[in-house]
Amino acid sequence: MHESYCLSWDIHPAALLSTEESAATTAYGAYILDVGTKGDALDLLVALAACLLGYGEVGLWLRSEAEKPDSWVKLESNPYRK
């Protein structure tokens, strides 16, 4: 899923594999894996909440902006809609 989504932005798997991961991304990924393997479903939900809520807020903002007359934000063909 990740690779096909990146391909829609013309980011090829070779570029993904050759791009160095930042320390913050590595740490967050390790944290999520640790919580997911050692905790229960609630632990994992809490660990993911910051990202999920952030994406939700962006989606709500895009939708509210798109509803305004003459807004530059459009939902149709918006690359972030998916």
PDB file of N, CA and C in Angstrom:
ATOM      1  N   MET A   1       0.834  -1.177   0.000  1.00  0.00           N
ATOM      2  CA  MET A   1       0.000   0.000   0.000  1.00  0.00           C
ATOM      3  C   MET A   1       0.884   1.249   0.000  1.00  0.00           C
ATOM      4  N   HIS A   2       1.915   1.240   0.831  1.00  0.00           N
ATOM      5  CA  HIS A   2       2.795   2.397   0.944  1.00  0.00           C
ATOM      6  C   HIS A   2       3.490   2.672  -0.398  1.00  0.00           C
ATOM      7  N   GLU A   3       4.004   1.614  -1.017  1.00  0.00           N
ATOM      8  CA  GLU A   3       4.709   1.788  -2.289  1.00  0.00           C
ATOM      9  C   GLU A   3       3.770   2.272  -3.385  1.00  0.00           C
ATOM     10  N   SER A   4       2.562   1.720  -3.459  1.00  0.00           N
ATOM     11  CA  SER A   4       1.638   2.151  -4.513  1.00  0.00           C
ATOM     12  C   SER A   4       1.195   3.600  -4.298  1.00  0.00           C
ATOM     13  N   TYR A   5       1.033   4.003  -3.037  1.00  0.00           N
ATOM     14  CA  TYR A   5       0.673   5.391  -2.762  1.00  0.00           C
ATOM     15  C   TYR A   5       1.821   6.322  -3.179  1.00  0.00           C
ATOM     16  N   CYS A   6       3.029   5.939  -2.843  1.00  0.00           N
ATOM     17  CA  CYS A   6       4.185   6.755  -3.235  1.00  0.00           C
ATOM     18  C   CYS A   6       4.309   6.834  -4.754  1.00  0.00           C
ATOM     19  N   LEU A   7       4.030   5.723  -5.446  1.00  0.00           N
ATOM     20  CA  LEU A   7       4.083   5.741  -6.910  1.00  0.00           C
ATOM     21  C   LEU A   7       3.108   6.752  -7.496  1.00  0.00           C
ATOM     22  N   SER A   8       1.969   6.957  -6.836  1.00  0.00           N
ATOM     23  CA  SER A   8       1.009   7.939  -7.340  1.00  0.00           C
ATOM     24  C   SER A   8       1.582   9.356  -7.281  1.00  0.00           C
ATOM     25  N   TRP A   9       2.630   9.567  -6.486  1.00  0.00           N
ATOM     26  CA  TRP A   9       3.331  10.848  -6.393  1.00  0.00           C
ATOM     27  C   TRP A   9       4.637  10.800  -7.185  1.00  0.00           C
ATOM     28  N   ASP A  10       4.807   9.734  -7.993  1.00  0.00           N
ATOM     29  CA  ASP A  10       6.002   9.515  -8.805  1.00  0.00           C
ATOM     30  C   ASP A  10       7.253   9.298  -7.946  1.00  0.00           C
ATOM     31  N   ILE A  11       7.058   8.681  -6.793  1.00  0.00           N
ATOM     32  CA  ILE A  11       8.174   8.281  -5.930  1.00  0.00           C
ATOM     33  C   ILE A  11       8.300   6.775  -6.058  1.00  0.00           C
ATOM     34  N   HIS A  12       9.392   6.328  -6.643  1.00  0.00           N
ATOM     35  CA  HIS A  12       9.565   4.915  -6.969  1.00  0.00           C
ATOM     36  C   HIS A  12      10.181   4.141  -5.804  1.00  0.00           C
ATOM     37  N   PRO A  13       9.915   2.829  -5.754  1.00  0.00           N
ATOM     38  CA  PRO A  13      10.447   2.005  -4.657  1.00  0.00           C
ATOM     39  C   PRO A  13      11.955   2.133  -4.471  1.00  0.00           C
ATOM     40  N   ALA A  14      12.696   2.263  -5.549  1.00  0.00           N
ATOM     41  CA  ALA A  14      14.150   2.423  -5.430  1.00  0.00           C
ATOM     42  C   ALA A  14      14.498   3.689  -4.648  1.00  0.00           C
ATOM     43  N   ALA A  15      13.747   4.751  -4.883  1.00  0.00           N
ATOM     44  CA  ALA A  15      13.992   6.000  -4.144  1.00  0.00           C
ATOM     45  C   ALA A  15      13.660   5.821  -2.670  1.00  0.00           C
ATOM     46  N   LEU A  16      12.592   5.064  -2.380  1.00  0.00           N
ATOM     47  CA  LEU A  16      12.240   4.812  -0.982  1.00  0.00           C
ATOM     48  C   LEU A  16      13.348   4.050  -0.267  1.00  0.00           C
ATOM     49  N   LEU A  17      13.878   3.040  -0.949  1.00  0.00           N
ATOM     50  CA  LEU A  17      14.911   2.208  -0.334  1.00  0.00           C
ATOM     51  C   LEU A  17      16.239   2.933  -0.187  1.00  0.00           C
ATOM     52  N   SER A  18      16.507   3.901  -1.054  1.00  0.00           N
ATOM     53  CA  SER A  18      17.794   4.595  -1.003  1.00  0.00           C
ATOM     54  C   SER A  18      17.773   5.877  -0.174  1.00  0.00           C
ATOM     55  N   THR A  19      16.602   6.270   0.303  1.00  0.00           N
ATOM     56  CA  THR A  19      16.490   7.491   1.110  1.00  0.00           C
ATOM     57  C   THR A  19      16.736   7.145   2.571  1.00  0.00           C
ATOM     58  N   GLU A  20      17.663   7.853   3.175  1.00  0.00           N
ATOM     59  CA  GLU A  20      17.978   7.595   4.579  1.00  0.00           C
ATOM     60  C   GLU A  20      16.827   8.050   5.474  1.00  0.00           C
ATOM     61  N   GLU A  21      16.472   7.202   6.394  1.00  0.00           N
ATOM     62  CA  GLU A  21      15.402   7.512   7.336  1.00  0.00           C
ATOM     63  C   GLU A  21      15.943   8.439   8.425  1.00  0.00           C
ATOM     64  N   SER A  22      15.162   9.425   8.801  1.00  0.00           N
ATOM     65  CA  SER A  22      15.610  10.339   9.847  1.00  0.00           C
ATOM     66  C   SER A  22      15.597   9.629  11.205  1.00  0.00           C
ATOM     67  N   ALA A  23      16.357  10.155  12.125  1.00  0.00           N
ATOM     68  CA  ALA A  23      16.408   9.577  13.470  1.00  0.00           C
ATOM     69  C   ALA A  23      15.034   9.624  14.135  1.00  0.00           C
ATOM     70  N   ALA A  24      14.307  10.705  13.916  1.00  0.00           N
ATOM     71  CA  ALA A  24      12.971  10.830  14.519  1.00  0.00           C
ATOM     72  C   ALA A  24      12.020   9.775  13.967  1.00  0.00           C
ATOM     73  N   THR A  25      12.084   9.529  12.662  1.00  0.00           N
ATOM     74  CA  THR A  25      11.220   8.521  12.053  1.00  0.00           C
ATOM     75  C   THR A  25      11.574   7.133  12.566  1.00  0.00           C
ATOM     76  N   THR A  26      12.865   6.850  12.666  1.00  0.00           N
ATOM     77  CA  THR A  26      13.312   5.556  13.188  1.00  0.00           C
ATOM     78  C   THR A  26      12.836   5.363  14.616  1.00  0.00           C
ATOM     79  N   ALA A  27      12.987   6.385  15.438  1.00  0.00           N
ATOM     80  CA  ALA A  27      12.577   6.290  16.838  1.00  0.00           C
ATOM     81  C   ALA A  27      11.072   6.103  16.968  1.00  0.00           C
ATOM     82  N   TYR A  28      10.304   6.855  16.184  1.00  0.00           N
ATOM     83  CA  TYR A  28       8.847   6.734  16.258  1.00  0.00           C
ATOM     84  C   TYR A  28       8.402   5.350  15.774  1.00  0.00           C
ATOM     85  N   GLY A  29       8.992   4.885  14.698  1.00  0.00           N
ATOM     86  CA  GLY A  29       8.666   3.552  14.190  1.00  0.00           C
ATOM     87  C   GLY A  29       8.989   2.469  15.202  1.00  0.00           C
ATOM     88  N   ALA A  30      10.146   2.582  15.847  1.00  0.00           N
ATOM     89  CA  ALA A  30      10.525   1.606  16.866  1.00  0.00           C
ATOM     90  C   ALA A  30       9.561   1.656  18.051  1.00  0.00           C
ATOM     91  N   TYR A  31       9.153   2.843  18.429  1.00  0.00           N
ATOM     92  CA  TYR A  31       8.205   3.009  19.535  1.00  0.00           C
ATOM     93  C   TYR A  31       6.865   2.346  19.202  1.00  0.00           C
ATOM     94  N   ILE A  32       6.362   2.596  17.999  1.00  0.00           N
ATOM     95  CA  ILE A  32       5.074   2.018  17.592  1.00  0.00           C
ATOM     96  C   ILE A  32       5.171   0.491  17.565  1.00  0.00           C
ATOM     97  N   LEU A  33       6.262  -0.039  17.013  1.00  0.00           N
ATOM     98  CA  LEU A  33       6.445  -1.494  16.986  1.00  0.00           C
ATOM     99  C   LEU A  33       6.533  -2.068  18.396  1.00  0.00           C
ATOM    100  N   ASP A  34       7.237  -1.371  19.275  1.00  0.00           N
ATOM    101  CA  ASP A  34       7.377  -1.832  20.654  1.00  0.00           C
ATOM    102  C   ASP A  34       6.024  -1.862  21.363  1.00  0.00           C
ATOM    103  N   VAL A  35       5.286  -0.783  21.231  1.00  0.00           N
ATOM    104  CA  VAL A  35       3.961  -0.716  21.862  1.00  0.00           C
ATOM    105  C   VAL A  35       3.038  -1.778  21.263  1.00  0.00           C
ATOM    106  N   GLY A  36       3.116  -1.942  19.942  1.00  0.00           N
ATOM    107  CA  GLY A  36       2.256  -2.900  19.271  1.00  0.00           C
ATOM    108  C   GLY A  36       2.538  -4.346  19.640  1.00  0.00           C
ATOM    109  N   THR A  37       3.789  -4.651  19.951  1.00  0.00           N
ATOM    110  CA  THR A  37       4.131  -6.032  20.295  1.00  0.00           C
ATOM    111  C   THR A  37       4.049  -6.323  21.790  1.00  0.00           C
ATOM    112  N   LYS A  38       4.212  -5.305  22.608  1.00  0.00           N
ATOM    113  CA  LYS A  38       4.212  -5.526  24.064  1.00  0.00           C
ATOM    114  C   LYS A  38       2.904  -5.138  24.746  1.00  0.00           C
ATOM    115  N   GLY A  39       2.164  -4.241  24.122  1.00  0.00           N
ATOM    116  CA  GLY A  39       0.946  -3.751  24.763  1.00  0.00           C
ATOM    117  C   GLY A  39      -0.290  -4.377  24.159  1.00  0.00           C
ATOM    118  N   ASP A  40      -1.411  -3.798  24.518  1.00  0.00           N
ATOM    119  CA  ASP A  40      -2.680  -4.273  23.962  1.00  0.00           C
ATOM    120  C   ASP A  40      -3.192  -3.252  22.943  1.00  0.00           C
ATOM    121  N   ALA A  41      -4.396  -3.481  22.460  1.00  0.00           N
ATOM    122  CA  ALA A  41      -4.965  -2.617  21.423  1.00  0.00           C
ATOM    123  C   ALA A  41      -5.109  -1.173  21.904  1.00  0.00           C
ATOM    124  N   LEU A  42      -5.471  -0.984  23.151  1.00  0.00           N
ATOM    125  CA  LEU A  42      -5.616   0.374  23.676  1.00  0.00           C
ATOM    126  C   LEU A  42      -4.268   1.086  23.706  1.00  0.00           C
ATOM    127  N   ASP A  43      -3.220   0.388  24.130  1.00  0.00           N
ATOM    128  CA  ASP A  43      -1.881   0.985  24.129  1.00  0.00           C
ATOM    129  C   ASP A  43      -1.498   1.462  22.728  1.00  0.00           C
ATOM    130  N   LEU A  44      -1.782   0.623  21.738  1.00  0.00           N
ATOM    131  CA  LEU A  44      -1.433   0.975  20.368  1.00  0.00           C
ATOM    132  C   LEU A  44      -2.267   2.163  19.875  1.00  0.00           C
ATOM    133  N   LEU A  45      -3.536   2.180  20.203  1.00  0.00           N
ATOM    134  CA  LEU A  45      -4.385   3.316  19.818  1.00  0.00           C
ATOM    135  C   LEU A  45      -3.884   4.626  20.411  1.00  0.00           C
ATOM    136  N   VAL A  46      -3.491   4.589  21.656  1.00  0.00           N
ATOM    137  CA  VAL A  46      -2.985   5.796  22.312  1.00  0.00           C
ATOM    138  C   VAL A  46      -1.675   6.232  21.652  1.00  0.00           C
ATOM    139  N   ALA A  47      -0.819   5.272  21.317  1.00  0.00           N
ATOM    140  CA  ALA A  47       0.459   5.600  20.678  1.00  0.00           C
ATOM    141  C   ALA A  47       0.251   6.223  19.297  1.00  0.00           C
ATOM    142  N   LEU A  48      -0.760   5.776  18.590  1.00  0.00           N
ATOM    143  CA  LEU A  48      -1.038   6.282  17.241  1.00  0.00           C
ATOM    144  C   LEU A  48      -1.921   7.526  17.236  1.00  0.00           C
ATOM    145  N   ALA A  49      -2.503   7.866  18.367  1.00  0.00           N
ATOM    146  CA  ALA A  49      -3.504   8.936  18.427  1.00  0.00           C
ATOM    147  C   ALA A  49      -2.999  10.269  17.902  1.00  0.00           C
ATOM    148  N   ALA A  50      -1.769  10.639  18.211  1.00  0.00           N
ATOM    149  CA  ALA A  50      -1.268  11.946  17.768  1.00  0.00           C
ATOM    150  C   ALA A  50      -1.290  12.057  16.251  1.00  0.00           C
ATOM    151  N   CYS A  51      -0.812  11.028  15.569  1.00  0.00           N
ATOM    152  CA  CYS A  51      -0.835  11.051  14.099  1.00  0.00           C
ATOM    153  C   CYS A  51      -2.264  11.013  13.579  1.00  0.00           C
ATOM    154  N   LEU A  52      -3.065  10.123  14.103  1.00  0.00           N
ATOM    155  CA  LEU A  52      -4.429   9.986  13.616  1.00  0.00           C
ATOM    156  C   LEU A  52      -5.233  11.266  13.824  1.00  0.00           C
ATOM    157  N   LEU A  53      -5.086  11.874  14.979  1.00  0.00           N
ATOM    158  CA  LEU A  53      -5.804  13.124  15.242  1.00  0.00           C
ATOM    159  C   LEU A  53      -5.294  14.250  14.357  1.00  0.00           C
ATOM    160  N   GLY A  54      -3.987  14.277  14.139  1.00  0.00           N
ATOM    161  CA  GLY A  54      -3.415  15.299  13.259  1.00  0.00           C
ATOM    162  C   GLY A  54      -3.945  15.187  11.839  1.00  0.00           C
ATOM    163  N   TYR A  55      -3.945  13.969  11.295  1.00  0.00           N
ATOM    164  CA  TYR A  55      -4.483  13.764   9.953  1.00  0.00           C
ATOM    165  C   TYR A  55      -5.970  14.110   9.907  1.00  0.00           C
ATOM    166  N   GLY A  56      -6.685  13.773  10.951  1.00  0.00           N
ATOM    167  CA  GLY A  56      -8.109  14.096  11.021  1.00  0.00           C
ATOM    168  C   GLY A  56      -8.343  15.596  10.995  1.00  0.00           C
ATOM    169  N   GLU A  57      -7.538  16.336  11.732  1.00  0.00           N
ATOM    170  CA  GLU A  57      -7.673  17.795  11.754  1.00  0.00           C
ATOM    171  C   GLU A  57      -7.395  18.401  10.381  1.00  0.00           C
ATOM    172  N   VAL A  58      -6.375  17.887   9.712  1.00  0.00           N
ATOM    173  CA  VAL A  58      -6.067  18.381   8.366  1.00  0.00           C
ATOM    174  C   VAL A  58      -7.242  18.100   7.433  1.00  0.00           C
ATOM    175  N   GLY A  59      -7.803  16.901   7.514  1.00  0.00           N
ATOM    176  CA  GLY A  59      -8.952  16.552   6.680  1.00  0.00           C
ATOM    177  C   GLY A  59     -10.150  17.446   6.947  1.00  0.00           C
ATOM    178  N   LEU A  60     -10.433  17.710   8.213  1.00  0.00           N
ATOM    179  CA  LEU A  60     -11.547  18.597   8.553  1.00  0.00           C
ATOM    180  C   LEU A  60     -11.317  20.009   8.046  1.00  0.00           C
ATOM    181  N   TRP A  61     -10.072  20.470   8.143  1.00  0.00           N
ATOM    182  CA  TRP A  61      -9.743  21.811   7.652  1.00  0.00           C
ATOM    183  C   TRP A  61      -9.927  21.882   6.144  1.00  0.00           C
ATOM    184  N   LEU A  62      -9.420  20.864   5.423  1.00  0.00           N
ATOM    185  CA  LEU A  62      -9.567  20.852   3.969  1.00  0.00           C
ATOM    186  C   LEU A  62     -11.040  20.881   3.567  1.00  0.00           C
ATOM    187  N   ARG A  63     -11.846  20.069   4.260  1.00  0.00           N
ATOM    188  CA  ARG A  63     -13.264  20.023   3.926  1.00  0.00           C
ATOM    189  C   ARG A  63     -13.939  21.369   4.193  1.00  0.00           C
ATOM    190  N   SER A  64     -13.647  21.985   5.334  1.00  0.00           N
ATOM    191  CA  SER A  64     -14.289  23.267   5.648  1.00  0.00           C
ATOM    192  C   SER A  64     -13.824  24.366   4.699  1.00  0.00           C
ATOM    193  N   GLU A  65     -12.548  24.351   4.321  1.00  0.00           N
ATOM    194  CA  GLU A  65     -12.049  25.356   3.372  1.00  0.00           C
ATOM    195  C   GLU A  65     -12.660  25.168   1.991  1.00  0.00           C
ATOM    196  N   ALA A  66     -12.830  23.909   1.572  1.00  0.00           N
ATOM    197  CA  ALA A  66     -13.388  23.622   0.250  1.00  0.00           C
ATOM    198  C   ALA A  66     -14.834  24.074   0.135  1.00  0.00           C
ATOM    199  N   GLU A  67     -15.543  24.130   1.261  1.00  0.00           N
ATOM    200  CA  GLU A  67     -16.949  24.546   1.245  1.00  0.00           C
ATOM    201  C   GLU A  67     -17.126  26.052   1.112  1.00  0.00           C
ATOM    202  N   LYS A  68     -16.066  26.818   1.309  1.00  0.00           N
ATOM    203  CA  LYS A  68     -16.158  28.279   1.218  1.00  0.00           C
ATOM    204  C   LYS A  68     -16.228  28.703  -0.250  1.00  0.00           C
ATOM    205  N   PRO A  69     -17.016  29.736  -0.534  1.00  0.00           N
ATOM    206  CA  PRO A  69     -17.096  30.213  -1.915  1.00  0.00           C
ATOM    207  C   PRO A  69     -15.736  30.721  -2.401  1.00  0.00           C
ATOM    208  N   ASP A  70     -15.413  30.407  -3.619  1.00  0.00           N
ATOM    209  CA  ASP A  70     -14.166  30.863  -4.254  1.00  0.00           C
ATOM    210  C   ASP A  70     -12.904  30.411  -3.521  1.00  0.00           C
ATOM    211  N   SER A  71     -12.973  29.291  -2.814  1.00  0.00           N
ATOM    212  CA  SER A  71     -11.805  28.781  -2.102  1.00  0.00           C
ATOM    213  C   SER A  71     -10.821  28.150  -3.083  1.00  0.00           C
ATOM    214  N   TRP A  72      -9.553  28.285  -2.793  1.00  0.00           N
ATOM    215  CA  TRP A  72      -8.532  27.627  -3.603  1.00  0.00           C
ATOM    216  C   TRP A  72      -8.448  26.139  -3.273  1.00  0.00           C
ATOM    217  N   VAL A  73      -9.051  25.724  -2.156  1.00  0.00           N
ATOM    218  CA  VAL A  73      -9.034  24.319  -1.756  1.00  0.00           C
ATOM    219  C   VAL A  73     -10.171  23.592  -2.471  1.00  0.00           C
ATOM    220  N   LYS A  74      -9.841  22.543  -3.168  1.00  0.00           N
ATOM    221  CA  LYS A  74     -10.822  21.725  -3.879  1.00  0.00           C
ATOM    222  C   LYS A  74     -10.718  20.292  -3.387  1.00  0.00           C
ATOM    223  N   LEU A  75     -11.855  19.631  -3.176  1.00  0.00           N
ATOM    224  CA  LEU A  75     -11.836  18.232  -2.760  1.00  0.00           C
ATOM    225  C   LEU A  75     -11.652  17.300  -3.947  1.00  0.00           C
ATOM    226  N   GLU A  76     -12.316  17.602  -5.056  1.00  0.00           N
ATOM    227  CA  GLU A  76     -12.174  16.760  -6.244  1.00  0.00           C
ATOM    228  C   GLU A  76     -10.744  16.857  -6.764  1.00  0.00           C
ATOM    229  N   SER A  77     -10.149  15.731  -7.022  1.00  0.00           N
ATOM    230  CA  SER A  77      -8.771  15.627  -7.525  1.00  0.00           C
ATOM    231  C   SER A  77      -7.744  16.146  -6.528  1.00  0.00           C
ATOM    232  N   ASN A  78      -8.115  16.319  -5.270  1.00  0.00           N
ATOM    233  CA  ASN A  78      -7.158  16.745  -4.252  1.00  0.00           C
ATOM    234  C   ASN A  78      -6.267  15.537  -3.924  1.00  0.00           C
ATOM    235  N   PRO A  79      -4.951  15.692  -4.065  1.00  0.00           N
ATOM    236  CA  PRO A  79      -4.067  14.544  -3.837  1.00  0.00           C
ATOM    237  C   PRO A  79      -4.072  14.044  -2.399  1.00  0.00           C
ATOM    238  N   TYR A  80      -4.524  14.847  -1.459  1.00  0.00           N
ATOM    239  CA  TYR A  80      -4.573  14.428  -0.058  1.00  0.00           C
ATOM    240  C   TYR A  80      -5.877  13.754   0.329  1.00  0.00           C
ATOM    241  N   ARG A  81      -6.840  13.758  -0.577  1.00  0.00           N
ATOM    242  CA  ARG A  81      -8.150  13.203  -0.253  1.00  0.00           C
ATOM    243  C   ARG A  81      -8.069  11.726   0.103  1.00  0.00           C
ATOM    244  N   LYS A  82      -7.271  10.969  -0.627  1.00  0.00           N
ATOM    245  CA  LYS A  82      -7.157   9.528  -0.372  1.00  0.00           C
ATOM    246  C   LYS A  82      -6.623   9.275   1.014  1.00  0.00           C
TER     247      LYS A  82
END
